[in-house]
Amino acid sequence: QVQLVESGGGLVQAGGSLRLSCAASGSIFSINTMGWYRQAPGKQRELVAAITSGGSTNYADSVKGRFTISRDNAKNTVYLQMNSLKPEDTAVYYCYAFRVVTTTETNDYWGQGTQVTVSS
C-alpha cells in the first residue's frame, strides 16, 4: 500500500506563488509516475503536471510556463512550484502516484487533497 500526504496549500493573491509537496510512504517500490491533479467545485478532476522516476515531465496547457513539477527520489517526494497564480487555479490539488505491482497489475494512489485558493 502507498500513502500520499500533501502539504503547502493555502490562500494566495493573484500573481503570487505557492509550492505544494507530496510525500509518499508505504510500498513505494516500483512507483513510476507521480504528479498532481486538481478539482474545482462541480468540475472533473484534471491533470496538472506529472513526472516520471526518470525526470520526464508533462503539464496541462493551462499551467505551462507557470508551474514546475520536480521530484526528489531519495525523499520519495514530489513538488509543484506554482507561480503567477490565477483565480482559475483555485481547486483542491491531489497528489497522484502510479505503481507497477506486477507484470499484470498496476495501482493508482491518491492523496487526501490540499486546498489552493487564489483571490483576485
C-alpha atoms as a PDB file:
ATOM      1  CA  GLN A   1       0.000   0.000   0.000  1.00  0.00           C
ATOM      2  CA  VAL A   2       1.098   3.553  -0.733  1.00  0.00           C
ATOM      3  CA  GLN A   3       0.136   6.598   1.259  1.00  0.00           C
ATOM      4  CA  LEU A   4       0.411  10.100  -0.150  1.00  0.00           C
ATOM      5  CA  VAL A   5       0.355  13.188   2.030  1.00  0.00           C
ATOM      6  CA  GLU A   6       0.131  16.656   0.506  1.00  0.00           C
ATOM      7  CA  SER A   7       1.104  19.921   2.101  1.00  0.00           C
ATOM      8  CA  GLY A   8       1.632  23.524   1.118  1.00  0.00           C
ATOM      9  CA  GLY A   9      -1.823  24.584   0.068  1.00  0.00           C
ATOM     10  CA  GLY A  10      -3.340  27.817   1.204  1.00  0.00           C
ATOM     11  CA  LEU A  11      -4.746  31.182   0.250  1.00  0.00           C
ATOM     12  CA  VAL A  12      -2.751  33.469  -2.005  1.00  0.00           C
ATOM     13  CA  GLN A  13      -3.422  36.559  -4.052  1.00  0.00           C
ATOM     14  CA  ALA A  14      -3.441  36.519  -7.823  1.00  0.00           C
ATOM     15  CA  GLY A  15       0.091  36.741  -9.142  1.00  0.00           C
ATOM     16  CA  GLY A  16       1.520  35.085  -6.077  1.00  0.00           C
ATOM     17  CA  SER A  17       3.356  31.808  -5.684  1.00  0.00           C
ATOM     18  CA  LEU A  18       2.867  28.618  -3.766  1.00  0.00           C
ATOM     19  CA  ARG A  19       4.739  25.346  -3.504  1.00  0.00           C
ATOM     20  CA  LEU A  20       2.991  22.055  -2.919  1.00  0.00           C
ATOM     21  CA  SER A  21       4.723  18.978  -1.565  1.00  0.00           C
ATOM     22  CA  CYS A  22       3.681  15.352  -1.610  1.00  0.00           C
ATOM     23  CA  ALA A  23       5.466  12.682   0.378  1.00  0.00           C
ATOM     24  CA  ALA A  24       4.957   9.026  -0.464  1.00  0.00           C
ATOM     25  CA  SER A  25       5.300   6.247   2.061  1.00  0.00           C
ATOM     26  CA  GLY A  26       4.487   2.559   2.324  1.00  0.00           C
ATOM     27  CA  SER A  27       5.120   0.185  -0.540  1.00  0.00           C
ATOM     28  CA  ILE A  28       6.895   2.734  -2.689  1.00  0.00           C
ATOM     29  CA  PHE A  29       8.884   0.199  -4.650  1.00  0.00           C
ATOM     30  CA  SER A  30       8.189   0.419  -8.383  1.00  0.00           C
ATOM     31  CA  ILE A  31       6.415   3.797  -8.218  1.00  0.00           C
ATOM     32  CA  ASN A  32       6.889   5.097 -11.724  1.00  0.00           C
ATOM     33  CA  THR A  33       4.944   8.312 -12.056  1.00  0.00           C
ATOM     34  CA  MET A  34       3.932  10.956  -9.558  1.00  0.00           C
ATOM     35  CA  GLY A  35       2.015  14.085 -10.206  1.00  0.00           C
ATOM     36  CA  TRP A  36      -0.715  16.496  -9.371  1.00  0.00           C
ATOM     37  CA  TYR A  37      -4.352  16.661 -10.305  1.00  0.00           C
ATOM     38  CA  ARG A  38      -6.820  19.302  -9.316  1.00  0.00           C
ATOM     39  CA  GLN A  39     -10.561  19.502  -8.965  1.00  0.00           C
ATOM     40  CA  ALA A  40     -12.617  22.637  -8.722  1.00  0.00           C
ATOM     41  CA  PRO A  41     -16.161  22.532  -7.329  1.00  0.00           C
ATOM     42  CA  GLY A  42     -18.546  20.990  -9.821  1.00  0.00           C
ATOM     43  CA  LYS A  43     -15.774  20.074 -12.237  1.00  0.00           C
ATOM     44  CA  GLN A  44     -13.933  16.928 -13.198  1.00  0.00           C
ATOM     45  CA  ARG A  45     -10.559  16.156 -11.746  1.00  0.00           C
ATOM     46  CA  GLU A  46      -7.884  17.135 -14.240  1.00  0.00           C
ATOM     47  CA  LEU A  47      -4.192  16.510 -14.635  1.00  0.00           C
ATOM     48  CA  VAL A  48      -1.986  19.465 -13.760  1.00  0.00           C
ATOM     49  CA  ALA A  49       1.501  18.014 -14.029  1.00  0.00           C
ATOM     50  CA  ALA A  50       3.264  14.674 -13.870  1.00  0.00           C
ATOM     51  CA  ILE A  51       6.816  13.441 -13.597  1.00  0.00           C
ATOM     52  CA  THR A  52       8.339  10.013 -14.075  1.00  0.00           C
ATOM     53  CA  SER A  53      11.048   8.462 -11.965  1.00  0.00           C
ATOM     54  CA  GLY A  54      13.454   9.344 -14.748  1.00  0.00           C
ATOM     55  CA  GLY A  55      12.520  13.008 -14.664  1.00  0.00           C
ATOM     56  CA  SER A  56      10.313  13.312 -17.735  1.00  0.00           C
ATOM     57  CA  THR A  57       7.526  15.831 -17.221  1.00  0.00           C
ATOM     58  CA  ASN A  58       4.311  16.934 -18.783  1.00  0.00           C
ATOM     59  CA  TYR A  59       1.930  19.755 -17.971  1.00  0.00           C
ATOM     60  CA  ALA A  60      -1.572  20.854 -18.659  1.00  0.00           C
ATOM     61  CA  ASP A  61      -1.628  23.604 -21.260  1.00  0.00           C
ATOM     62  CA  SER A  62      -3.219  25.969 -18.777  1.00  0.00           C
ATOM     63  CA  VAL A  63      -0.217  25.861 -16.435  1.00  0.00           C
ATOM     64  CA  LYS A  64       2.700  25.626 -18.840  1.00  0.00           C
ATOM     65  CA  GLY A  65       5.227  28.335 -18.161  1.00  0.00           C
ATOM     66  CA  ARG A  66       3.828  28.983 -14.699  1.00  0.00           C
ATOM     67  CA  PHE A  67       4.060  25.674 -12.840  1.00  0.00           C
ATOM     68  CA  THR A  68       7.082  23.454 -12.394  1.00  0.00           C
ATOM     69  CA  ILE A  69       6.987  19.894 -11.130  1.00  0.00           C
ATOM     70  CA  SER A  70      10.044  18.286  -9.596  1.00  0.00           C
ATOM     71  CA  ARG A  71      10.855  15.098  -7.768  1.00  0.00           C
ATOM     72  CA  ASP A  72      13.269  14.057  -5.071  1.00  0.00           C
ATOM     73  CA  ASN A  73      13.507  10.300  -5.396  1.00  0.00           C
ATOM     74  CA  ALA A  74      15.644   9.974  -2.279  1.00  0.00           C
ATOM     75  CA  LYS A  75      12.886  11.604  -0.235  1.00  0.00           C
ATOM     76  CA  ASN A  76      10.051  10.000  -2.188  1.00  0.00           C
ATOM     77  CA  THR A  77       8.607  13.454  -2.565  1.00  0.00           C
ATOM     78  CA  VAL A  78       7.192  15.388  -5.471  1.00  0.00           C
ATOM     79  CA  TYR A  79       6.832  19.160  -5.573  1.00  0.00           C
ATOM     80  CA  LEU A  80       4.747  21.579  -7.545  1.00  0.00           C
ATOM     81  CA  GLN A  81       6.029  25.124  -7.725  1.00  0.00           C
ATOM     82  CA  MET A  82       3.173  27.373  -8.767  1.00  0.00           C
ATOM     83  CA  ASN A  83       3.966  30.889  -9.924  1.00  0.00           C
ATOM     84  CA  SER A  84       1.824  33.658 -11.369  1.00  0.00           C
ATOM     85  CA  LEU A  85      -1.237  32.102  -9.814  1.00  0.00           C
ATOM     86  CA  LYS A  86      -4.624  32.968 -11.213  1.00  0.00           C
ATOM     87  CA  PRO A  87      -8.097  32.688  -9.683  1.00  0.00           C
ATOM     88  CA  GLU A  88      -8.800  29.900 -12.179  1.00  0.00           C
ATOM     89  CA  ASP A  89      -6.141  27.839 -10.413  1.00  0.00           C
ATOM     90  CA  THR A  90      -8.376  27.627  -7.355  1.00  0.00           C
ATOM     91  CA  ALA A  91      -9.078  23.968  -6.657  1.00  0.00           C
ATOM     92  CA  VAL A  92      -8.311  21.056  -4.419  1.00  0.00           C
ATOM     93  CA  TYR A  93      -4.977  19.668  -5.540  1.00  0.00           C
ATOM     94  CA  TYR A  94      -4.432  15.931  -5.266  1.00  0.00           C
ATOM     95  CA  CYS A  95      -1.143  14.118  -5.312  1.00  0.00           C
ATOM     96  CA  TYR A  96      -1.057  11.058  -7.546  1.00  0.00           C
ATOM     97  CA  ALA A  97       1.201   8.045  -7.793  1.00  0.00           C
ATOM     98  CA  PHE A  98       1.282   5.205 -10.277  1.00  0.00           C
ATOM     99  CA  ARG A  99       2.840   1.949  -9.189  1.00  0.00           C
ATOM    100  CA  VAL A 100       3.660  -1.163 -11.132  1.00  0.00           C
ATOM    101  CA  VAL A 101       2.923  -4.019  -8.734  1.00  0.00           C
ATOM    102  CA  THR A 102       3.491  -6.958 -11.062  1.00  0.00           C
ATOM    103  CA  THR A 103       3.682  -7.556 -14.769  1.00  0.00           C
ATOM    104  CA  THR A 104      -0.104  -7.884 -14.752  1.00  0.00           C
ATOM    105  CA  GLU A 105      -1.170  -5.397 -12.081  1.00  0.00           C
ATOM    106  CA  THR A 106      -0.812  -1.658 -11.573  1.00  0.00           C
ATOM    107  CA  ASN A 107      -2.181   0.623  -8.891  1.00  0.00           C
ATOM    108  CA  ASP A 108      -3.151   4.266  -8.682  1.00  0.00           C
ATOM    109  CA  TYR A 109      -2.923   6.142  -5.403  1.00  0.00           C
ATOM    110  CA  TRP A 110      -4.310   9.483  -4.342  1.00  0.00           C
ATOM    111  CA  GLY A 111      -3.587  11.881  -1.553  1.00  0.00           C
ATOM    112  CA  GLN A 112      -6.301  13.451   0.540  1.00  0.00           C
ATOM    113  CA  GLY A 113      -6.040  16.760  -1.272  1.00  0.00           C
ATOM    114  CA  THR A 114      -4.911  20.222  -0.302  1.00  0.00           C
ATOM    115  CA  GLN A 115      -6.915  23.359  -0.962  1.00  0.00           C
ATOM    116  CA  VAL A 116      -5.412  26.103  -3.085  1.00  0.00           C
ATOM    117  CA  THR A 117      -7.382  29.318  -3.220  1.00  0.00           C
ATOM    118  CA  VAL A 118      -6.290  32.248  -5.356  1.00  0.00           C
ATOM    119  CA  SER A 119      -8.040  35.517  -4.655  1.00  0.00           C
ATOM    120  CA  SER A 120      -8.399  38.374  -7.105  1.00  0.00           C
END
